[in-house]
Amino acid sequence: MSPDKAVGPEGVLGLQFLDRRQGEWYCTTCWATAISVDARILEQLAERMATLEAVTAGYQAWAGGPCKVCDESPSGAAKQKGLRSVRSLGRTP
């Protein structure tokens, strides 16, 4: 993730959430709901997380990927799935 653009307080909350659940995928909609943040902010962060630089820092994003909440919900919550899925790889930079 680019050092020339700040993550912001919402992004910090989002990354802390992922770090507490290392390896688990969350779509941006469920991720935003879990930490009570506007999904549009996390969608922008997820775009930055889809880079080699972000993987090196220990984060990953995948367009249309899996979600721990949506994909495990029998109620059909997957219809509300965000555009990207994100996770912490459990590494420290």
PDB file of N, CA and C in Angstrom:
ATOM      1  N   MET A   1       0.843  -1.158   0.000  1.00  0.00           N
ATOM      2  CA  MET A   1       0.000   0.000   0.000  1.00  0.00           C
ATOM      3  C   MET A   1       0.889   1.221   0.000  1.00  0.00           C
ATOM      4  N   SER A   2       0.544   2.157  -0.811  1.00  0.00           N
ATOM      5  CA  SER A   2       1.400   3.291  -1.103  1.00  0.00           C
ATOM      6  C   SER A   2       1.709   4.141   0.118  1.00  0.00           C
ATOM      7  N   PRO A   3       2.998   4.381   0.363  1.00  0.00           N
ATOM      8  CA  PRO A   3       3.370   5.201   1.510  1.00  0.00           C
ATOM      9  C   PRO A   3       3.018   6.673   1.312  1.00  0.00           C
ATOM     10  N   ASP A   4       2.723   7.100   0.073  1.00  0.00           N
ATOM     11  CA  ASP A   4       2.418   8.500  -0.173  1.00  0.00           C
ATOM     12  C   ASP A   4       0.944   8.833  -0.005  1.00  0.00           C
ATOM     13  N   LYS A   5       0.116   7.866   0.363  1.00  0.00           N
ATOM     14  CA  LYS A   5      -1.301   8.115   0.615  1.00  0.00           C
ATOM     15  C   LYS A   5      -1.679   7.490   1.954  1.00  0.00           C
ATOM     16  N   ALA A   6      -2.175   8.304   2.873  1.00  0.00           N
ATOM     17  CA  ALA A   6      -2.523   7.821   4.213  1.00  0.00           C
ATOM     18  C   ALA A   6      -3.722   6.874   4.164  1.00  0.00           C
ATOM     19  N   VAL A   7      -3.742   5.938   5.079  1.00  0.00           N
ATOM     20  CA  VAL A   7      -4.835   4.970   5.171  1.00  0.00           C
ATOM     21  C   VAL A   7      -6.071   5.606   5.804  1.00  0.00           C
ATOM     22  N   GLY A   8      -5.897   6.493   6.754  1.00  0.00           N
ATOM     23  CA  GLY A   8      -7.017   7.138   7.441  1.00  0.00           C
ATOM     24  C   GLY A   8      -7.509   6.294   8.595  1.00  0.00           C
ATOM     25  N   PRO A   9      -8.284   6.904   9.501  1.00  0.00           N
ATOM     26  CA  PRO A   9      -8.741   6.180  10.693  1.00  0.00           C
ATOM     27  C   PRO A   9      -9.644   4.989  10.381  1.00  0.00           C
ATOM     28  N   GLU A  10     -10.501   5.114   9.359  1.00  0.00           N
ATOM     29  CA  GLU A  10     -11.373   3.995   8.998  1.00  0.00           C
ATOM     30  C   GLU A  10     -10.558   2.827   8.467  1.00  0.00           C
ATOM     31  N   GLY A  11      -9.531   3.150   7.679  1.00  0.00           N
ATOM     32  CA  GLY A  11      -8.657   2.115   7.152  1.00  0.00           C
ATOM     33  C   GLY A  11      -7.875   1.408   8.243  1.00  0.00           C
ATOM     34  N   VAL A  12      -7.426   2.176   9.221  1.00  0.00           N
ATOM     35  CA  VAL A  12      -6.704   1.578  10.350  1.00  0.00           C
ATOM     36  C   VAL A  12      -7.614   0.604  11.087  1.00  0.00           C
ATOM     37  N   LEU A  13      -8.870   1.000  11.322  1.00  0.00           N
ATOM     38  CA  LEU A  13      -9.835   0.090  11.970  1.00  0.00           C
ATOM     39  C   LEU A  13     -10.018  -1.182  11.139  1.00  0.00           C
ATOM     40  N   GLY A  14     -10.118  -0.999   9.834  1.00  0.00           N
ATOM     41  CA  GLY A  14     -10.307  -2.138   8.944  1.00  0.00           C
ATOM     42  C   GLY A  14      -9.132  -3.092   8.975  1.00  0.00           C
ATOM     43  N   LEU A  15      -7.922  -2.558   8.947  1.00  0.00           N
ATOM     44  CA  LEU A  15      -6.728  -3.409   8.975  1.00  0.00           C
ATOM     45  C   LEU A  15      -6.581  -4.106  10.318  1.00  0.00           C
ATOM     46  N   GLN A  16      -6.913  -3.411  11.400  1.00  0.00           N
ATOM     47  CA  GLN A  16      -6.857  -4.047  12.722  1.00  0.00           C
ATOM     48  C   GLN A  16      -7.844  -5.211  12.795  1.00  0.00           C
ATOM     49  N   PHE A  17      -9.040  -5.022  12.234  1.00  0.00           N
ATOM     50  CA  PHE A  17     -10.044  -6.087  12.198  1.00  0.00           C
ATOM     51  C   PHE A  17      -9.486  -7.315  11.467  1.00  0.00           C
ATOM     52  N   LEU A  18      -8.884  -7.088  10.297  1.00  0.00           N
ATOM     53  CA  LEU A  18      -8.334  -8.193   9.522  1.00  0.00           C
ATOM     54  C   LEU A  18      -7.178  -8.869  10.254  1.00  0.00           C
ATOM     55  N   ASP A  19      -6.341  -8.078  10.917  1.00  0.00           N
ATOM     56  CA  ASP A  19      -5.199  -8.646  11.636  1.00  0.00           C
ATOM     57  C   ASP A  19      -5.631  -9.556  12.780  1.00  0.00           C
ATOM     58  N   ARG A  20      -6.799  -9.278  13.362  1.00  0.00           N
ATOM     59  CA  ARG A  20      -7.311 -10.136  14.443  1.00  0.00           C
ATOM     60  C   ARG A  20      -7.907 -11.433  13.885  1.00  0.00           C
ATOM     61  N   ARG A  21      -8.118 -11.475  12.569  1.00  0.00           N
ATOM     62  CA  ARG A  21      -8.721 -12.649  11.920  1.00  0.00           C
ATOM     63  C   ARG A  21      -7.854 -13.068  10.727  1.00  0.00           C
ATOM     64  N   GLN A  22      -6.604 -13.285  10.971  1.00  0.00           N
ATOM     65  CA  GLN A  22      -5.637 -13.569   9.907  1.00  0.00           C
ATOM     66  C   GLN A  22      -6.054 -14.761   9.056  1.00  0.00           C
ATOM     67  N   GLY A  23      -5.933 -14.575   7.753  1.00  0.00           N
ATOM     68  CA  GLY A  23      -6.231 -15.637   6.805  1.00  0.00           C
ATOM     69  C   GLY A  23      -7.685 -15.748   6.399  1.00  0.00           C
ATOM     70  N   GLU A  24      -8.596 -15.059   7.092  1.00  0.00           N
ATOM     71  CA  GLU A  24     -10.021 -15.144   6.774  1.00  0.00           C
ATOM     72  C   GLU A  24     -10.390 -14.058   5.764  1.00  0.00           C
ATOM     73  N   TRP A  25     -11.138 -14.461   4.735  1.00  0.00           N
ATOM     74  CA  TRP A  25     -11.576 -13.532   3.694  1.00  0.00           C
ATOM     75  C   TRP A  25     -12.885 -12.850   4.105  1.00  0.00           C
ATOM     76  N   TYR A  26     -12.991 -11.558   3.816  1.00  0.00           N
ATOM     77  CA  TYR A  26     -14.219 -10.784   4.040  1.00  0.00           C
ATOM     78  C   TYR A  26     -14.479  -9.920   2.817  1.00  0.00           C
ATOM     79  N   CYS A  27     -15.706  -9.922   2.314  1.00  0.00           N
ATOM     80  CA  CYS A  27     -16.030  -8.997   1.237  1.00  0.00           C
ATOM     81  C   CYS A  27     -16.102  -7.595   1.845  1.00  0.00           C
ATOM     82  N   THR A  28     -15.993  -6.585   1.004  1.00  0.00           N
ATOM     83  CA  THR A  28     -15.962  -5.220   1.535  1.00  0.00           C
ATOM     84  C   THR A  28     -17.264  -4.839   2.239  1.00  0.00           C
ATOM     85  N   THR A  29     -18.386  -5.395   1.817  1.00  0.00           N
ATOM     86  CA  THR A  29     -19.662  -5.083   2.472  1.00  0.00           C
ATOM     87  C   THR A  29     -19.692  -5.639   3.901  1.00  0.00           C
ATOM     88  N   CYS A  30     -19.345  -6.896   4.068  1.00  0.00           N
ATOM     89  CA  CYS A  30     -19.344  -7.509   5.409  1.00  0.00           C
ATOM     90  C   CYS A  30     -18.249  -6.914   6.285  1.00  0.00           C
ATOM     91  N   TRP A  31     -17.122  -6.592   5.690  1.00  0.00           N
ATOM     92  CA  TRP A  31     -16.008  -5.950   6.405  1.00  0.00           C
ATOM     93  C   TRP A  31     -16.458  -4.609   6.960  1.00  0.00           C
ATOM     94  N   ALA A  32     -17.120  -3.810   6.133  1.00  0.00           N
ATOM     95  CA  ALA A  32     -17.604  -2.496   6.566  1.00  0.00           C
ATOM     96  C   ALA A  32     -18.675  -2.627   7.646  1.00  0.00           C
ATOM     97  N   THR A  33     -19.571  -3.576   7.498  1.00  0.00           N
ATOM     98  CA  THR A  33     -20.619  -3.800   8.493  1.00  0.00           C
ATOM     99  C   THR A  33     -20.015  -4.194   9.833  1.00  0.00           C
ATOM    100  N   ALA A  34     -18.990  -5.036   9.809  1.00  0.00           N
ATOM    101  CA  ALA A  34     -18.366  -5.528  11.041  1.00  0.00           C
ATOM    102  C   ALA A  34     -17.730  -4.421  11.863  1.00  0.00           C
ATOM    103  N   ILE A  35     -17.237  -3.369  11.203  1.00  0.00           N
ATOM    104  CA  ILE A  35     -16.573  -2.294  11.950  1.00  0.00           C
ATOM    105  C   ILE A  35     -17.327  -0.964  11.868  1.00  0.00           C
ATOM    106  N   SER A  36     -18.537  -0.988  11.327  1.00  0.00           N
ATOM    107  CA  SER A  36     -19.400   0.195  11.237  1.00  0.00           C
ATOM    108  C   SER A  36     -18.726   1.364  10.504  1.00  0.00           C
ATOM    109  N   VAL A  37     -18.237   1.070   9.306  1.00  0.00           N
ATOM    110  CA  VAL A  37     -17.576   2.060   8.465  1.00  0.00           C
ATOM    111  C   VAL A  37     -18.263   2.055   7.103  1.00  0.00           C
ATOM    112  N   ASP A  38     -18.250   3.185   6.418  1.00  0.00           N
ATOM    113  CA  ASP A  38     -18.814   3.301   5.079  1.00  0.00           C
ATOM    114  C   ASP A  38     -18.067   2.340   4.134  1.00  0.00           C
ATOM    115  N   ALA A  39     -18.797   1.477   3.470  1.00  0.00           N
ATOM    116  CA  ALA A  39     -18.194   0.476   2.585  1.00  0.00           C
ATOM    117  C   ALA A  39     -17.396   1.113   1.448  1.00  0.00           C
ATOM    118  N   ARG A  40     -17.770   2.316   1.024  1.00  0.00           N
ATOM    119  CA  ARG A  40     -17.039   2.976  -0.070  1.00  0.00           C
ATOM    120  C   ARG A  40     -15.598   3.280   0.329  1.00  0.00           C
ATOM    121  N   ILE A  41     -15.393   3.620   1.590  1.00  0.00           N
ATOM    122  CA  ILE A  41     -14.031   3.892   2.077  1.00  0.00           C
ATOM    123  C   ILE A  41     -13.197   2.620   2.035  1.00  0.00           C
ATOM    124  N   LEU A  42     -13.788   1.524   2.487  1.00  0.00           N
ATOM    125  CA  LEU A  42     -13.052   0.263   2.495  1.00  0.00           C
ATOM    126  C   LEU A  42     -12.878  -0.294   1.087  1.00  0.00           C
ATOM    127  N   GLU A  43     -13.790   0.007   0.187  1.00  0.00           N
ATOM    128  CA  GLU A  43     -13.627  -0.421  -1.208  1.00  0.00           C
ATOM    129  C   GLU A  43     -12.385   0.241  -1.809  1.00  0.00           C
ATOM    130  N   GLN A  44     -12.175   1.516  -1.506  1.00  0.00           N
ATOM    131  CA  GLN A  44     -10.975   2.211  -1.987  1.00  0.00           C
ATOM    132  C   GLN A  44      -9.714   1.583  -1.388  1.00  0.00           C
ATOM    133  N   LEU A  45      -9.768   1.248  -0.103  1.00  0.00           N
ATOM    134  CA  LEU A  45      -8.631   0.598   0.539  1.00  0.00           C
ATOM    135  C   LEU A  45      -8.384  -0.771  -0.088  1.00  0.00           C
ATOM    136  N   ALA A  46      -9.450  -1.506  -0.375  1.00  0.00           N
ATOM    137  CA  ALA A  46      -9.319  -2.828  -0.981  1.00  0.00           C
ATOM    138  C   ALA A  46      -8.660  -2.749  -2.358  1.00  0.00           C
ATOM    139  N   GLU A  47      -8.930  -1.691  -3.100  1.00  0.00           N
ATOM    140  CA  GLU A  47      -8.270  -1.507  -4.396  1.00  0.00           C
ATOM    141  C   GLU A  47      -6.764  -1.392  -4.206  1.00  0.00           C
ATOM    142  N   ARG A  48      -6.355  -0.674  -3.185  1.00  0.00           N
ATOM    143  CA  ARG A  48      -4.927  -0.532  -2.893  1.00  0.00           C
ATOM    144  C   ARG A  48      -4.327  -1.838  -2.380  1.00  0.00           C
ATOM    145  N   MET A  49      -5.155  -2.674  -1.766  1.00  0.00           N
ATOM    146  CA  MET A  49      -4.686  -3.949  -1.219  1.00  0.00           C
ATOM    147  C   MET A  49      -4.500  -5.008  -2.305  1.00  0.00           C
ATOM    148  N   ALA A  50      -4.918  -4.722  -3.517  1.00  0.00           N
ATOM    149  CA  ALA A  50      -4.794  -5.678  -4.623  1.00  0.00           C
ATOM    150  C   ALA A  50      -3.477  -5.493  -5.373  1.00  0.00           C
ATOM    151  N   THR A  51      -2.446  -5.024  -4.696  1.00  0.00           N
ATOM    152  CA  THR A  51      -1.153  -4.788  -5.332  1.00  0.00           C
ATOM    153  C   THR A  51      -0.089  -5.687  -4.718  1.00  0.00           C
ATOM    154  N   LEU A  52       0.987  -5.865  -5.437  1.00  0.00           N
ATOM    155  CA  LEU A  52       2.109  -6.645  -4.921  1.00  0.00           C
ATOM    156  C   LEU A  52       2.690  -5.986  -3.671  1.00  0.00           C
ATOM    157  N   GLU A  53       2.693  -4.666  -3.659  1.00  0.00           N
ATOM    158  CA  GLU A  53       3.189  -3.922  -2.492  1.00  0.00           C
ATOM    159  C   GLU A  53       2.381  -4.278  -1.242  1.00  0.00           C
ATOM    160  N   ALA A  54       1.059  -4.387  -1.384  1.00  0.00           N
ATOM    161  CA  ALA A  54       0.202  -4.733  -0.243  1.00  0.00           C
ATOM    162  C   ALA A  54       0.454  -6.166   0.210  1.00  0.00           C
ATOM    163  N   VAL A  55       0.649  -7.080  -0.725  1.00  0.00           N
ATOM    164  CA  VAL A  55       0.934  -8.471  -0.367  1.00  0.00           C
ATOM    165  C   VAL A  55       2.238  -8.541   0.414  1.00  0.00           C
ATOM    166  N   THR A  56       3.207  -7.770  -0.013  1.00  0.00           N
ATOM    167  CA  THR A  56       4.482  -7.723   0.701  1.00  0.00           C
ATOM    168  C   THR A  56       4.283  -7.221   2.128  1.00  0.00           C
ATOM    169  N   ALA A  57       3.347  -6.275   2.301  1.00  0.00           N
ATOM    170  CA  ALA A  57       3.050  -5.736   3.629  1.00  0.00           C
ATOM    171  C   ALA A  57       2.166  -6.674   4.453  1.00  0.00           C
ATOM    172  N   GLY A  58       1.629  -7.732   3.828  1.00  0.00           N
ATOM    173  CA  GLY A  58       0.849  -8.719   4.581  1.00  0.00           C
ATOM    174  C   GLY A  58      -0.644  -8.667   4.378  1.00  0.00           C
ATOM    175  N   TYR A  59      -1.117  -8.027   3.285  1.00  0.00           N
ATOM    176  CA  TYR A  59      -2.555  -7.937   3.009  1.00  0.00           C
ATOM    177  C   TYR A  59      -2.818  -8.338   1.569  1.00  0.00           C
ATOM    178  N   GLN A  60      -4.030  -8.804   1.323  1.00  0.00           N
ATOM    179  CA  GLN A  60      -4.378  -9.250  -0.016  1.00  0.00           C
ATOM    180  C   GLN A  60      -5.833  -8.909  -0.298  1.00  0.00           C
ATOM    181  N   ALA A  61      -6.118  -8.565  -1.548  1.00  0.00           N
ATOM    182  CA  ALA A  61      -7.492  -8.329  -1.990  1.00  0.00           C
ATOM    183  C   ALA A  61      -7.701  -9.061  -3.308  1.00  0.00           C
ATOM    184  N   TRP A  62      -8.927  -9.506  -3.524  1.00  0.00           N
ATOM    185  CA  TRP A  62      -9.255 -10.292  -4.706  1.00  0.00           C
ATOM    186  C   TRP A  62     -10.641  -9.864  -5.165  1.00  0.00           C
ATOM    187  N   ALA A  63     -10.780  -9.510  -6.422  1.00  0.00           N
ATOM    188  CA  ALA A  63     -12.081  -9.118  -6.965  1.00  0.00           C
ATOM    189  C   ALA A  63     -13.008 -10.325  -7.005  1.00  0.00           C
ATOM    190  N   GLY A  64     -14.194 -10.162  -6.435  1.00  0.00           N
ATOM    191  CA  GLY A  64     -15.197 -11.217  -6.461  1.00  0.00           C
ATOM    192  C   GLY A  64     -14.825 -12.466  -5.688  1.00  0.00           C
ATOM    193  N   GLY A  65     -13.955 -12.325  -4.721  1.00  0.00           N
ATOM    194  CA  GLY A  65     -13.486 -13.478  -3.966  1.00  0.00           C
ATOM    195  C   GLY A  65     -14.443 -13.951  -2.891  1.00  0.00           C
ATOM    196  N   PRO A  66     -13.986 -14.885  -2.074  1.00  0.00           N
ATOM    197  CA  PRO A  66     -14.815 -15.477  -1.026  1.00  0.00           C
ATOM    198  C   PRO A  66     -15.063 -14.520   0.136  1.00  0.00           C
ATOM    199  N   CYS A  67     -16.021 -14.851   0.976  1.00  0.00           N
ATOM    200  CA  CYS A  67     -16.310 -14.065   2.182  1.00  0.00           C
ATOM    201  C   CYS A  67     -16.738 -15.020   3.288  1.00  0.00           C
ATOM    202  N   LYS A  68     -16.108 -14.896   4.435  1.00  0.00           N
ATOM    203  CA  LYS A  68     -16.429 -15.747   5.585  1.00  0.00           C
ATOM    204  C   LYS A  68     -17.892 -15.601   5.992  1.00  0.00           C
ATOM    205  N   VAL A  69     -18.439 -14.408   5.874  1.00  0.00           N
ATOM    206  CA  VAL A  69     -19.820 -14.157   6.297  1.00  0.00           C
ATOM    207  C   VAL A  69     -20.813 -14.556   5.209  1.00  0.00           C
ATOM    208  N   CYS A  70     -20.673 -13.983   4.021  1.00  0.00           N
ATOM    209  CA  CYS A  70     -21.623 -14.231   2.927  1.00  0.00           C
ATOM    210  C   CYS A  70     -21.666 -15.688   2.502  1.00  0.00           C
ATOM    211  N   ASP A  71     -20.505 -16.274   2.306  1.00  0.00           N
ATOM    212  CA  ASP A  71     -20.440 -17.625   1.762  1.00  0.00           C
ATOM    213  C   ASP A  71     -20.820 -18.694   2.775  1.00  0.00           C
ATOM    214  N   GLU A  72     -20.831 -18.353   4.044  1.00  0.00           N
ATOM    215  CA  GLU A  72     -21.223 -19.323   5.071  1.00  0.00           C
ATOM    216  C   GLU A  72     -22.653 -19.106   5.559  1.00  0.00           C
ATOM    217  N   SER A  73     -23.326 -18.090   5.014  1.00  0.00           N
ATOM    218  CA  SER A  73     -24.672 -17.768   5.459  1.00  0.00           C
ATOM    219  C   SER A  73     -25.719 -18.519   4.639  1.00  0.00           C
ATOM    220  N   PRO A  74     -26.583 -19.286   5.291  1.00  0.00           N
ATOM    221  CA  PRO A  74     -27.636 -19.992   4.560  1.00  0.00           C
ATOM    222  C   PRO A  74     -28.768 -19.063   4.129  1.00  0.00           C
ATOM    223  N   SER A  75     -28.761 -17.808   4.593  1.00  0.00           N
ATOM    224  CA  SER A  75     -29.870 -16.892   4.302  1.00  0.00           C
ATOM    225  C   SER A  75     -29.737 -16.184   2.968  1.00  0.00           C
ATOM    226  N   GLY A  76     -28.722 -16.500   2.195  1.00  0.00           N
ATOM    227  CA  GLY A  76     -28.564 -15.851   0.903  1.00  0.00           C
ATOM    228  C   GLY A  76     -27.926 -14.484   0.989  1.00  0.00           C
ATOM    229  N   ALA A  77     -27.149 -14.239   2.013  1.00  0.00           N
ATOM    230  CA  ALA A  77     -26.495 -12.940   2.193  1.00  0.00           C
ATOM    231  C   ALA A  77     -25.515 -12.635   1.068  1.00  0.00           C
ATOM    232  N   ALA A  78     -25.127 -13.648   0.293  1.00  0.00           N
ATOM    233  CA  ALA A  78     -24.147 -13.447  -0.776  1.00  0.00           C
ATOM    234  C   ALA A  78     -24.651 -12.468  -1.830  1.00  0.00           C
ATOM    235  N   LYS A  79     -25.947 -12.243  -1.905  1.00  0.00           N
ATOM    236  CA  LYS A  79     -26.490 -11.276  -2.856  1.00  0.00           C
ATOM    237  C   LYS A  79     -26.021  -9.863  -2.537  1.00  0.00           C
ATOM    238  N   GLN A  80     -25.590  -9.620  -1.309  1.00  0.00           N
ATOM    239  CA  GLN A  80     -25.132  -8.303  -0.887  1.00  0.00           C
ATOM    240  C   GLN A  80     -23.607  -8.217  -0.892  1.00  0.00           C
ATOM    241  N   LYS A  81     -22.944  -9.149  -1.473  1.00  0.00           N
ATOM    242  CA  LYS A  81     -21.496  -9.243  -1.444  1.00  0.00           C
ATOM    243  C   LYS A  81     -20.828  -8.014  -2.069  1.00  0.00           C
ATOM    244  N   GLY A  82     -19.756  -7.542  -1.398  1.00  0.00           N
ATOM    245  CA  GLY A  82     -18.981  -6.432  -1.931  1.00  0.00           C
ATOM    246  C   GLY A  82     -18.173  -6.861  -3.144  1.00  0.00           C
ATOM    247  N   LEU A  83     -17.636  -5.890  -3.866  1.00  0.00           N
ATOM    248  CA  LEU A  83     -16.914  -6.157  -5.107  1.00  0.00           C
ATOM    249  C   LEU A  83     -15.591  -6.881  -4.912  1.00  0.00           C
ATOM    250  N   ARG A  84     -14.969  -6.682  -3.774  1.00  0.00           N
ATOM    251  CA  ARG A  84     -13.670  -7.309  -3.506  1.00  0.00           C
ATOM    252  C   ARG A  84     -13.716  -8.039  -2.172  1.00  0.00           C
ATOM    253  N   SER A  85     -12.834  -8.985  -2.033  1.00  0.00           N
ATOM    254  CA  SER A  85     -12.636  -9.653  -0.752  1.00  0.00           C
ATOM    255  C   SER A  85     -11.212  -9.365  -0.293  1.00  0.00           C
ATOM    256  N   VAL A  86     -11.036  -9.262   1.011  1.00  0.00           N
ATOM    257  CA  VAL A  86      -9.743  -8.875   1.585  1.00  0.00           C
ATOM    258  C   VAL A  86      -9.385  -9.806   2.734  1.00  0.00           C
ATOM    259  N   ARG A  87      -8.073  -9.867   3.027  1.00  0.00           N
ATOM    260  CA  ARG A  87      -7.629 -10.635   4.190  1.00  0.00           C
ATOM    261  C   ARG A  87      -6.235 -10.179   4.601  1.00  0.00           C
ATOM    262  N   SER A  88      -5.912 -10.479   5.853  1.00  0.00           N
ATOM    263  CA  SER A  88      -4.570 -10.292   6.356  1.00  0.00           C
ATOM    264  C   SER A  88      -3.844 -11.612   6.183  1.00  0.00           C
ATOM    265  N   LEU A  89      -2.626 -11.534   5.678  1.00  0.00           N
ATOM    266  CA  LEU A  89      -1.822 -12.737   5.494  1.00  0.00           C
ATOM    267  C   LEU A  89      -1.055 -13.112   6.750  1.00  0.00           C
ATOM    268  N   GLY A  90      -1.166 -12.270   7.775  1.00  0.00           N
ATOM    269  CA  GLY A  90      -0.515 -12.576   9.040  1.00  0.00           C
ATOM    270  C   GLY A  90       0.966 -12.293   9.054  1.00  0.00           C
ATOM    271  N   ARG A  91       1.405 -11.399   8.190  1.00  0.00           N
ATOM    272  CA  ARG A  91       2.827 -11.023   8.165  1.00  0.00           C
ATOM    273  C   ARG A  91       2.986  -9.604   8.650  1.00  0.00           C
ATOM    274  N   THR A  92       4.115  -9.306   9.176  1.00  0.00           N
ATOM    275  CA  THR A  92       4.412  -7.942   9.548  1.00  0.00           C
ATOM    276  C   THR A  92       5.451  -7.396   8.587  1.00  0.00           C
ATOM    277  N   PRO A  93       5.315  -6.120   8.184  1.00  0.00           N
ATOM    278  CA  PRO A  93       6.250  -5.554   7.208  1.00  0.00           C
ATOM    279  C   PRO A  93       7.661  -5.427   7.756  1.00  0.00           C
TER     280      PRO A  93
END
